[in-house]
Amino acid sequence: MPVKPVLVFAYGNLSRGDDALGPLMLDAIERQQETEGLPIELLSDFQLQIEHALDLEHRALVLFIDASVSGATPFGFTQLSPAKDNSYTTHAMSPAAVLAVYQTIKKQQPPPCFLLTIKGETFGLGEGLSAAAKQNFAAASSFVNHLLADLTASAWRNLTLTSA
């Protein structure tokens, strides 16, 4: 089966309150993909790990989606650069560290990669989404529709809110 040019990778834990924001956004994108036939592959996991660097291979564009505890806005959108940060040697990695692993093992730059973070407030085991997270999810969903309307790095760069 050929690799689709765009990868959307959401991570988080559905059982930990607002940590479910990433996987829930992936579910929404999947519903849209089914109706519109988008050329994207969807991937979800609890956390990023070193093996996920190989998922970037043969991609034209990658979007990581995660919940965030920081930020003043409902969501953030940044273009990523490879970086060996403190997560580089841990079990759970940052997206920038995954890009750094890709760069090291493939001896080339990773494809253009972006991170969408959705602000959450509560992350306790067994909790549901907080009211604020539901509002932030709605705002981020509208933004994701703009991303999916033009699956090119140049279009996404024009929508970037900050850089990482």
C-alpha atoms as a PDB file:
ATOM      1  CA  MET A   1       0.000   0.000   0.000  1.00  0.00           C
ATOM      2  CA  PRO A   2       1.554   3.334  -1.022  1.00  0.00           C
ATOM      3  CA  VAL A   3       2.220   5.980   1.611  1.00  0.00           C
ATOM      4  CA  LYS A   4      -0.159   8.928   1.507  1.00  0.00           C
ATOM      5  CA  PRO A   5       1.596  12.295   1.103  1.00  0.00           C
ATOM      6  CA  VAL A   6       0.173  13.901   4.250  1.00  0.00           C
ATOM      7  CA  LEU A   7       0.365  12.392   7.720  1.00  0.00           C
ATOM      8  CA  VAL A   8      -1.784  13.626  10.591  1.00  0.00           C
ATOM      9  CA  PHE A   9      -0.464  12.220  13.867  1.00  0.00           C
ATOM     10  CA  ALA A  10      -2.452  12.862  17.037  1.00  0.00           C
ATOM     11  CA  TYR A  11      -1.339  11.719  20.425  1.00  0.00           C
ATOM     12  CA  GLY A  12      -2.856  11.695  23.875  1.00  0.00           C
ATOM     13  CA  ASN A  13      -4.823   9.532  26.260  1.00  0.00           C
ATOM     14  CA  LEU A  14      -8.611   9.323  25.936  1.00  0.00           C
ATOM     15  CA  SER A  15      -8.828   8.348  29.626  1.00  0.00           C
ATOM     16  CA  ARG A  16      -7.083  11.476  30.926  1.00  0.00           C
ATOM     17  CA  GLY A  17      -9.507  14.356  30.550  1.00  0.00           C
ATOM     18  CA  ASP A  18      -8.311  17.049  28.193  1.00  0.00           C
ATOM     19  CA  ASP A  19      -5.370  14.888  27.082  1.00  0.00           C
ATOM     20  CA  ALA A  20      -7.951  13.351  24.724  1.00  0.00           C
ATOM     21  CA  LEU A  21      -8.031  16.510  22.577  1.00  0.00           C
ATOM     22  CA  GLY A  22      -5.501  15.193  20.029  1.00  0.00           C
ATOM     23  CA  PRO A  23      -7.191  11.830  19.393  1.00  0.00           C
ATOM     24  CA  LEU A  24     -10.620  13.487  19.347  1.00  0.00           C
ATOM     25  CA  MET A  25      -9.440  15.913  16.672  1.00  0.00           C
ATOM     26  CA  LEU A  26      -8.130  12.959  14.691  1.00  0.00           C
ATOM     27  CA  ASP A  27     -11.604  11.390  14.890  1.00  0.00           C
ATOM     28  CA  ALA A  28     -13.115  14.586  13.481  1.00  0.00           C
ATOM     29  CA  ILE A  29     -10.562  14.642  10.667  1.00  0.00           C
ATOM     30  CA  GLU A  30     -11.297  10.999   9.913  1.00  0.00           C
ATOM     31  CA  ARG A  31     -14.986  11.791   9.453  1.00  0.00           C
ATOM     32  CA  GLN A  32     -14.065  14.596   7.064  1.00  0.00           C
ATOM     33  CA  GLN A  33     -11.618  12.350   5.223  1.00  0.00           C
ATOM     34  CA  GLU A  34     -14.334   9.764   4.656  1.00  0.00           C
ATOM     35  CA  THR A  35     -16.650  12.308   3.037  1.00  0.00           C
ATOM     36  CA  GLU A  36     -14.027  14.263   1.076  1.00  0.00           C
ATOM     37  CA  GLY A  37     -11.487  11.564   0.217  1.00  0.00           C
ATOM     38  CA  LEU A  38      -8.513  13.554   1.516  1.00  0.00           C
ATOM     39  CA  PRO A  39      -5.046  12.183   0.602  1.00  0.00           C
ATOM     40  CA  ILE A  40      -4.003  11.879   4.233  1.00  0.00           C
ATOM     41  CA  GLU A  41      -2.990   9.087   6.553  1.00  0.00           C
ATOM     42  CA  LEU A  42      -4.156   9.215  10.154  1.00  0.00           C
ATOM     43  CA  LEU A  43      -2.103   7.882  13.038  1.00  0.00           C
ATOM     44  CA  SER A  44      -2.709   7.962  16.779  1.00  0.00           C
ATOM     45  CA  ASP A  45      -0.782   6.870  19.845  1.00  0.00           C
ATOM     46  CA  PHE A  46      -0.598   7.682  23.546  1.00  0.00           C
ATOM     47  CA  GLN A  47       2.763   9.432  23.124  1.00  0.00           C
ATOM     48  CA  LEU A  48       5.518   9.979  20.600  1.00  0.00           C
ATOM     49  CA  GLN A  49       8.340   7.467  20.577  1.00  0.00           C
ATOM     50  CA  ILE A  50      11.578   7.049  18.666  1.00  0.00           C
ATOM     51  CA  GLU A  51       9.979   4.572  16.246  1.00  0.00           C
ATOM     52  CA  HIS A  52       7.583   7.271  15.019  1.00  0.00           C
ATOM     53  CA  ALA A  53      10.449   8.896  13.132  1.00  0.00           C
ATOM     54  CA  LEU A  54       9.946   6.261  10.428  1.00  0.00           C
ATOM     55  CA  ASP A  55       6.329   7.373   9.968  1.00  0.00           C
ATOM     56  CA  LEU A  56       7.680  10.613   8.449  1.00  0.00           C
ATOM     57  CA  GLU A  57       9.312   8.771   5.568  1.00  0.00           C
ATOM     58  CA  HIS A  58       7.985   9.580   2.069  1.00  0.00           C
ATOM     59  CA  ARG A  59       5.703  12.356   3.332  1.00  0.00           C
ATOM     60  CA  ALA A  60       5.183  15.762   1.779  1.00  0.00           C
ATOM     61  CA  LEU A  61       3.640  17.249   4.924  1.00  0.00           C
ATOM     62  CA  VAL A  62       3.068  16.208   8.558  1.00  0.00           C
ATOM     63  CA  LEU A  63       0.734  17.567  11.212  1.00  0.00           C
ATOM     64  CA  PHE A  64       1.175  16.599  14.864  1.00  0.00           C
ATOM     65  CA  ILE A  65      -1.792  17.282  17.176  1.00  0.00           C
ATOM     66  CA  ASP A  66      -1.611  17.321  20.980  1.00  0.00           C
ATOM     67  CA  ALA A  67      -3.254  18.832  24.043  1.00  0.00           C
ATOM     68  CA  SER A  68      -1.315  21.542  25.839  1.00  0.00           C
ATOM     69  CA  VAL A  69      -1.381  22.896  29.370  1.00  0.00           C
ATOM     70  CA  SER A  70       0.219  26.199  28.371  1.00  0.00           C
ATOM     71  CA  GLY A  71      -0.727  29.053  26.127  1.00  0.00           C
ATOM     72  CA  ALA A  72      -3.042  32.018  26.339  1.00  0.00           C
ATOM     73  CA  THR A  73      -5.062  31.128  23.245  1.00  0.00           C
ATOM     74  CA  PRO A  74      -7.415  28.207  22.573  1.00  0.00           C
ATOM     75  CA  PHE A  75      -4.854  26.611  20.244  1.00  0.00           C
ATOM     76  CA  GLY A  76      -1.413  27.121  18.786  1.00  0.00           C
ATOM     77  CA  PHE A  77       0.031  26.252  15.395  1.00  0.00           C
ATOM     78  CA  THR A  78       3.761  26.177  14.767  1.00  0.00           C
ATOM     79  CA  GLN A  79       6.183  24.902  12.191  1.00  0.00           C
ATOM     80  CA  LEU A  80       8.659  22.495  13.730  1.00  0.00           C
ATOM     81  CA  SER A  81      12.409  22.138  13.342  1.00  0.00           C
ATOM     82  CA  PRO A  82      14.475  19.114  14.392  1.00  0.00           C
ATOM     83  CA  ALA A  83      15.834  19.538  17.929  1.00  0.00           C
ATOM     84  CA  LYS A  84      17.472  17.197  20.394  1.00  0.00           C
ATOM     85  CA  ASP A  85      15.685  18.354  23.537  1.00  0.00           C
ATOM     86  CA  ASN A  86      15.363  16.760  26.970  1.00  0.00           C
ATOM     87  CA  SER A  87      12.812  14.276  25.626  1.00  0.00           C
ATOM     88  CA  TYR A  88      15.339  12.852  23.157  1.00  0.00           C
ATOM     89  CA  THR A  89      16.356  10.022  25.500  1.00  0.00           C
ATOM     90  CA  THR A  90      13.061   9.461  27.283  1.00  0.00           C
ATOM     91  CA  HIS A  91      10.188   7.100  26.583  1.00  0.00           C
ATOM     92  CA  ALA A  92       7.880   9.940  25.445  1.00  0.00           C
ATOM     93  CA  MET A  93       9.346  12.384  22.947  1.00  0.00           C
ATOM     94  CA  SER A  94       8.542  15.837  21.657  1.00  0.00           C
ATOM     95  CA  PRO A  95       7.716  16.248  17.947  1.00  0.00           C
ATOM     96  CA  ALA A  96      10.970  18.205  17.448  1.00  0.00           C
ATOM     97  CA  ALA A  97      12.935  15.268  18.891  1.00  0.00           C
ATOM     98  CA  VAL A  98      11.144  12.862  16.533  1.00  0.00           C
ATOM     99  CA  LEU A  99      12.241  15.088  13.640  1.00  0.00           C
ATOM    100  CA  ALA A 100      15.812  15.041  14.951  1.00  0.00           C
ATOM    101  CA  VAL A 101      15.774  11.229  15.034  1.00  0.00           C
ATOM    102  CA  TYR A 102      14.468  11.168  11.454  1.00  0.00           C
ATOM    103  CA  GLN A 103      17.237  13.531  10.367  1.00  0.00           C
ATOM    104  CA  THR A 104      19.859  11.363  12.077  1.00  0.00           C
ATOM    105  CA  ILE A 105      18.719   7.990  10.732  1.00  0.00           C
ATOM    106  CA  LYS A 106      17.722   9.105   7.219  1.00  0.00           C
ATOM    107  CA  LYS A 107      20.592  11.597   6.754  1.00  0.00           C
ATOM    108  CA  GLN A 108      18.172  14.153   5.297  1.00  0.00           C
ATOM    109  CA  GLN A 109      15.828  16.890   6.385  1.00  0.00           C
ATOM    110  CA  PRO A 110      12.379  15.733   7.494  1.00  0.00           C
ATOM    111  CA  PRO A 111       9.354  16.839   5.491  1.00  0.00           C
ATOM    112  CA  PRO A 112       7.690  20.093   6.546  1.00  0.00           C
ATOM    113  CA  CYS A 113       6.151  19.352   9.948  1.00  0.00           C
ATOM    114  CA  PHE A 114       3.734  21.402  11.993  1.00  0.00           C
ATOM    115  CA  LEU A 115       2.299  21.142  15.500  1.00  0.00           C
ATOM    116  CA  LEU A 116      -1.260  21.998  16.462  1.00  0.00           C
ATOM    117  CA  THR A 117      -1.695  22.264  20.223  1.00  0.00           C
ATOM    118  CA  ILE A 118      -5.123  22.577  21.799  1.00  0.00           C
ATOM    119  CA  LYS A 119      -5.240  24.106  25.276  1.00  0.00           C
ATOM    120  CA  GLY A 120      -6.587  21.879  28.004  1.00  0.00           C
ATOM    121  CA  GLU A 121      -7.077  22.344  31.728  1.00  0.00           C
ATOM    122  CA  THR A 122      -7.737  19.003  33.392  1.00  0.00           C
ATOM    123  CA  PHE A 123      -5.734  15.849  32.758  1.00  0.00           C
ATOM    124  CA  GLY A 124      -6.805  13.527  35.566  1.00  0.00           C
ATOM    125  CA  LEU A 125      -7.422   9.848  34.998  1.00  0.00           C
ATOM    126  CA  GLY A 126     -11.089   9.143  34.298  1.00  0.00           C
ATOM    127  CA  GLU A 127     -12.056  12.779  33.783  1.00  0.00           C
ATOM    128  CA  GLY A 128     -14.026  13.983  30.773  1.00  0.00           C
ATOM    129  CA  LEU A 129     -13.271  17.052  28.674  1.00  0.00           C
ATOM    130  CA  SER A 130     -13.432  20.323  30.576  1.00  0.00           C
ATOM    131  CA  ALA A 131     -15.828  23.046  29.413  1.00  0.00           C
ATOM    132  CA  ALA A 132     -12.863  25.201  28.355  1.00  0.00           C
ATOM    133  CA  ALA A 133     -11.345  22.315  26.372  1.00  0.00           C
ATOM    134  CA  LYS A 134     -14.619  21.831  24.498  1.00  0.00           C
ATOM    135  CA  GLN A 135     -14.588  25.503  23.470  1.00  0.00           C
ATOM    136  CA  ASN A 136     -10.913  25.316  22.505  1.00  0.00           C
ATOM    137  CA  PHE A 137     -11.600  22.166  20.497  1.00  0.00           C
ATOM    138  CA  ALA A 138     -14.323  23.965  18.532  1.00  0.00           C
ATOM    139  CA  ALA A 139     -11.962  26.846  17.717  1.00  0.00           C
ATOM    140  CA  ALA A 140      -9.193  24.440  16.705  1.00  0.00           C
ATOM    141  CA  SER A 141     -11.636  22.441  14.554  1.00  0.00           C
ATOM    142  CA  SER A 142     -12.442  25.511  12.516  1.00  0.00           C
ATOM    143  CA  PHE A 143      -8.713  26.129  12.036  1.00  0.00           C
ATOM    144  CA  VAL A 144      -8.122  22.507  10.994  1.00  0.00           C
ATOM    145  CA  ASN A 145     -10.719  22.959   8.262  1.00  0.00           C
ATOM    146  CA  HIS A 146      -8.493  25.703   6.805  1.00  0.00           C
ATOM    147  CA  LEU A 147      -5.499  23.354   6.931  1.00  0.00           C
ATOM    148  CA  LEU A 148      -7.361  20.545   5.202  1.00  0.00           C
ATOM    149  CA  ALA A 149      -8.598  22.882   2.469  1.00  0.00           C
ATOM    150  CA  ASP A 150      -5.022  23.357   1.180  1.00  0.00           C
ATOM    151  CA  LEU A 151      -2.606  20.523   1.933  1.00  0.00           C
ATOM    152  CA  THR A 152       0.581  22.396   1.051  1.00  0.00           C
ATOM    153  CA  ALA A 153       3.438  23.536   3.266  1.00  0.00           C
ATOM    154  CA  SER A 154       3.305  27.055   1.831  1.00  0.00           C
ATOM    155  CA  ALA A 155      -0.369  27.441   2.726  1.00  0.00           C
ATOM    156  CA  TRP A 156       0.263  26.087   6.213  1.00  0.00           C
ATOM    157  CA  ARG A 157       3.221  28.439   6.724  1.00  0.00           C
ATOM    158  CA  ASN A 158       0.874  31.342   5.974  1.00  0.00           C
ATOM    159  CA  LEU A 159      -1.380  30.136   8.796  1.00  0.00           C
ATOM    160  CA  THR A 160       1.419  29.634  11.330  1.00  0.00           C
ATOM    161  CA  LEU A 161       0.725  31.486  14.566  1.00  0.00           C
ATOM    162  CA  THR A 162       4.180  31.063  16.106  1.00  0.00           C
ATOM    163  CA  SER A 163       7.355  29.183  15.339  1.00  0.00           C
ATOM    164  CA  ALA A 164       8.960  26.367  17.308  1.00  0.00           C
END
